[in-house]
Amino acid sequence: SMSAHLMSIRDNVLKDPDDYRLTRRFITTYLPNMVRTVESYAQLAGQGSGDQSDRIATLGQQIREFGTVIEDIDRACIENDLAALEAEVDALGTQLSRRLR
């Protein structure tokens, strides 16, 4: 799920510079940290025993919660595009109604 939303964010940013402005801090700061964190988790997963296994499982649950943030950012990109389209349609509608009078 996180991967699909990250691909969607990537596609939106490539198509629309406004989406990059919206997601710049996430892309330049948080995303690299998230990737390092997930990679560290993947290296440790399955290695611990006893209390360590419980701690690793807790970390895995916390990391899965990152998905909610990524989904929100993806939705914000789509909302940005939707708002821009609504403004464009509204402006064109106004221009056309003036033209037809």
C-alpha atoms as a PDB file:
ATOM      1  CA  SER A   1       0.000   0.000   0.000  1.00  0.00           C
ATOM      2  CA  MET A   2       2.785   2.433   0.922  1.00  0.00           C
ATOM      3  CA  SER A   3       4.595   1.600  -2.291  1.00  0.00           C
ATOM      4  CA  ALA A   4       1.509   2.284  -4.420  1.00  0.00           C
ATOM      5  CA  HIS A   5       0.959   5.654  -2.745  1.00  0.00           C
ATOM      6  CA  LEU A   6       4.627   6.578  -3.123  1.00  0.00           C
ATOM      7  CA  MET A   7       4.447   5.761  -6.839  1.00  0.00           C
ATOM      8  CA  SER A   8       1.320   7.903  -7.124  1.00  0.00           C
ATOM      9  CA  ILE A   9       3.058  10.798  -5.335  1.00  0.00           C
ATOM     10  CA  ARG A  10       6.049  10.392  -7.660  1.00  0.00           C
ATOM     11  CA  ASP A  11       3.816  10.438 -10.739  1.00  0.00           C
ATOM     12  CA  ASN A  12       1.930  13.498  -9.494  1.00  0.00           C
ATOM     13  CA  VAL A  13       5.141  15.380  -8.744  1.00  0.00           C
ATOM     14  CA  LEU A  14       6.565  14.578 -12.178  1.00  0.00           C
ATOM     15  CA  LYS A  15       3.393  15.861 -13.859  1.00  0.00           C
ATOM     16  CA  ASP A  16       2.770  18.943 -11.710  1.00  0.00           C
ATOM     17  CA  PRO A  17       5.403  21.225 -10.143  1.00  0.00           C
ATOM     18  CA  ASP A  18       2.783  22.479  -7.672  1.00  0.00           C
ATOM     19  CA  ASP A  19       2.641  18.979  -6.244  1.00  0.00           C
ATOM     20  CA  TYR A  20       6.400  19.124  -5.665  1.00  0.00           C
ATOM     21  CA  ARG A  21       6.024  22.367  -3.739  1.00  0.00           C
ATOM     22  CA  LEU A  22       3.315  20.656  -1.704  1.00  0.00           C
ATOM     23  CA  THR A  23       5.456  17.583  -0.975  1.00  0.00           C
ATOM     24  CA  ARG A  24       8.991  19.016  -1.017  1.00  0.00           C
ATOM     25  CA  ARG A  25       9.665  18.655   2.718  1.00  0.00           C
ATOM     26  CA  PHE A  26       8.325  15.106   2.719  1.00  0.00           C
ATOM     27  CA  ILE A  27      10.388  14.108  -0.336  1.00  0.00           C
ATOM     28  CA  THR A  28      13.651  15.756   0.712  1.00  0.00           C
ATOM     29  CA  THR A  29      13.594  15.099   4.462  1.00  0.00           C
ATOM     30  CA  TYR A  30      11.103  12.539   5.675  1.00  0.00           C
ATOM     31  CA  LEU A  31      11.108  10.051   2.794  1.00  0.00           C
ATOM     32  CA  PRO A  32      14.878   9.374   2.893  1.00  0.00           C
ATOM     33  CA  ASN A  33      14.625   8.891   6.667  1.00  0.00           C
ATOM     34  CA  MET A  34      11.663   6.547   6.204  1.00  0.00           C
ATOM     35  CA  VAL A  35      13.603   4.491   3.657  1.00  0.00           C
ATOM     36  CA  ARG A  36      16.604   4.181   6.005  1.00  0.00           C
ATOM     37  CA  THR A  37      14.293   3.221   8.867  1.00  0.00           C
ATOM     38  CA  VAL A  38      12.494   0.551   6.835  1.00  0.00           C
ATOM     39  CA  GLU A  39      15.810  -0.835   5.584  1.00  0.00           C
ATOM     40  CA  SER A  40      17.125  -1.042   9.167  1.00  0.00           C
ATOM     41  CA  TYR A  41      13.934  -2.758  10.261  1.00  0.00           C
ATOM     42  CA  ALA A  42      14.165  -5.248   7.388  1.00  0.00           C
ATOM     43  CA  GLN A  43      17.736  -6.120   8.408  1.00  0.00           C
ATOM     44  CA  LEU A  44      16.712  -6.727  12.038  1.00  0.00           C
ATOM     45  CA  ALA A  45      13.408  -8.475  11.397  1.00  0.00           C
ATOM     46  CA  GLY A  46      13.677 -12.136  12.239  1.00  0.00           C
ATOM     47  CA  GLN A  47      17.053 -11.789  13.974  1.00  0.00           C
ATOM     48  CA  GLY A  48      15.953 -11.020  17.509  1.00  0.00           C
ATOM     49  CA  SER A  49      14.848 -13.436  20.172  1.00  0.00           C
ATOM     50  CA  GLY A  50      12.748 -13.085  23.321  1.00  0.00           C
ATOM     51  CA  ASP A  51      12.275  -9.442  24.276  1.00  0.00           C
ATOM     52  CA  GLN A  52      14.050  -8.354  21.088  1.00  0.00           C
ATOM     53  CA  SER A  53      11.416 -10.081  18.956  1.00  0.00           C
ATOM     54  CA  ASP A  54       8.680  -8.195  20.782  1.00  0.00           C
ATOM     55  CA  ARG A  55      10.493  -4.903  20.293  1.00  0.00           C
ATOM     56  CA  ILE A  56      11.036  -5.615  16.601  1.00  0.00           C
ATOM     57  CA  ALA A  57       7.330  -6.478  16.209  1.00  0.00           C
ATOM     58  CA  THR A  58       6.389  -3.195  17.904  1.00  0.00           C
ATOM     59  CA  LEU A  59       8.692  -1.308  15.553  1.00  0.00           C
ATOM     60  CA  GLY A  60       7.063  -3.045  12.594  1.00  0.00           C
ATOM     61  CA  GLN A  61       3.634  -1.896  13.745  1.00  0.00           C
ATOM     62  CA  GLN A  62       4.889   1.663  14.132  1.00  0.00           C
ATOM     63  CA  ILE A  63       6.477   1.610  10.681  1.00  0.00           C
ATOM     64  CA  ARG A  64       3.211   0.391   9.126  1.00  0.00           C
ATOM     65  CA  GLU A  65       1.562   3.523  10.537  1.00  0.00           C
ATOM     66  CA  PHE A  66       3.782   5.571   8.195  1.00  0.00           C
ATOM     67  CA  GLY A  67       1.385   4.408   5.482  1.00  0.00           C
ATOM     68  CA  THR A  68      -1.346   6.703   6.800  1.00  0.00           C
ATOM     69  CA  VAL A  69       0.900   9.742   6.385  1.00  0.00           C
ATOM     70  CA  ILE A  70       1.930   8.686   2.885  1.00  0.00           C
ATOM     71  CA  GLU A  71      -1.713   8.155   1.944  1.00  0.00           C
ATOM     72  CA  ASP A  72      -2.583  11.650   3.236  1.00  0.00           C
ATOM     73  CA  ILE A  73       0.194  13.194   1.137  1.00  0.00           C
ATOM     74  CA  ASP A  74      -0.992  11.295  -1.936  1.00  0.00           C
ATOM     75  CA  ARG A  75      -4.523  12.560  -1.326  1.00  0.00           C
ATOM     76  CA  ALA A  76      -3.196  16.126  -0.953  1.00  0.00           C
ATOM     77  CA  CYS A  77      -1.543  15.884  -4.394  1.00  0.00           C
ATOM     78  CA  ILE A  78      -4.809  14.740  -5.920  1.00  0.00           C
ATOM     79  CA  GLU A  79      -6.713  17.463  -4.043  1.00  0.00           C
ATOM     80  CA  ASN A  80      -4.261  20.057  -5.389  1.00  0.00           C
ATOM     81  CA  ASP A  81      -4.866  18.849  -8.947  1.00  0.00           C
ATOM     82  CA  LEU A  82      -8.624  18.728  -8.404  1.00  0.00           C
ATOM     83  CA  ALA A  83      -8.707  22.293  -7.032  1.00  0.00           C
ATOM     84  CA  ALA A  84      -6.678  23.516 -10.027  1.00  0.00           C
ATOM     85  CA  LEU A  85      -9.052  21.785 -12.445  1.00  0.00           C
ATOM     86  CA  GLU A  86     -12.100  23.212 -10.671  1.00  0.00           C
ATOM     87  CA  ALA A  87     -10.634  26.724 -10.918  1.00  0.00           C
ATOM     88  CA  GLU A  88      -9.889  26.221 -14.611  1.00  0.00           C
ATOM     89  CA  VAL A  89     -13.386  24.923 -15.362  1.00  0.00           C
ATOM     90  CA  ASP A  90     -14.922  27.804 -13.414  1.00  0.00           C
ATOM     91  CA  ALA A  91     -12.818  30.369 -15.300  1.00  0.00           C
ATOM     92  CA  LEU A  92     -13.656  28.814 -18.671  1.00  0.00           C
ATOM     93  CA  GLY A  93     -17.335  28.671 -17.760  1.00  0.00           C
ATOM     94  CA  THR A  94     -17.294  32.364 -16.880  1.00  0.00           C
ATOM     95  CA  GLN A  95     -15.500  33.256 -20.115  1.00  0.00           C
ATOM     96  CA  LEU A  96     -17.897  31.184 -22.207  1.00  0.00           C
ATOM     97  CA  SER A  97     -20.992  32.629 -20.563  1.00  0.00           C
ATOM     98  CA  ARG A  98     -19.715  36.168 -21.293  1.00  0.00           C
ATOM     99  CA  ARG A  99     -18.944  35.191 -24.881  1.00  0.00           C
ATOM    100  CA  LEU A 100     -22.411  33.774 -25.449  1.00  0.00           C
ATOM    101  CA  ARG A 101     -24.229  36.918 -24.278  1.00  0.00           C
END
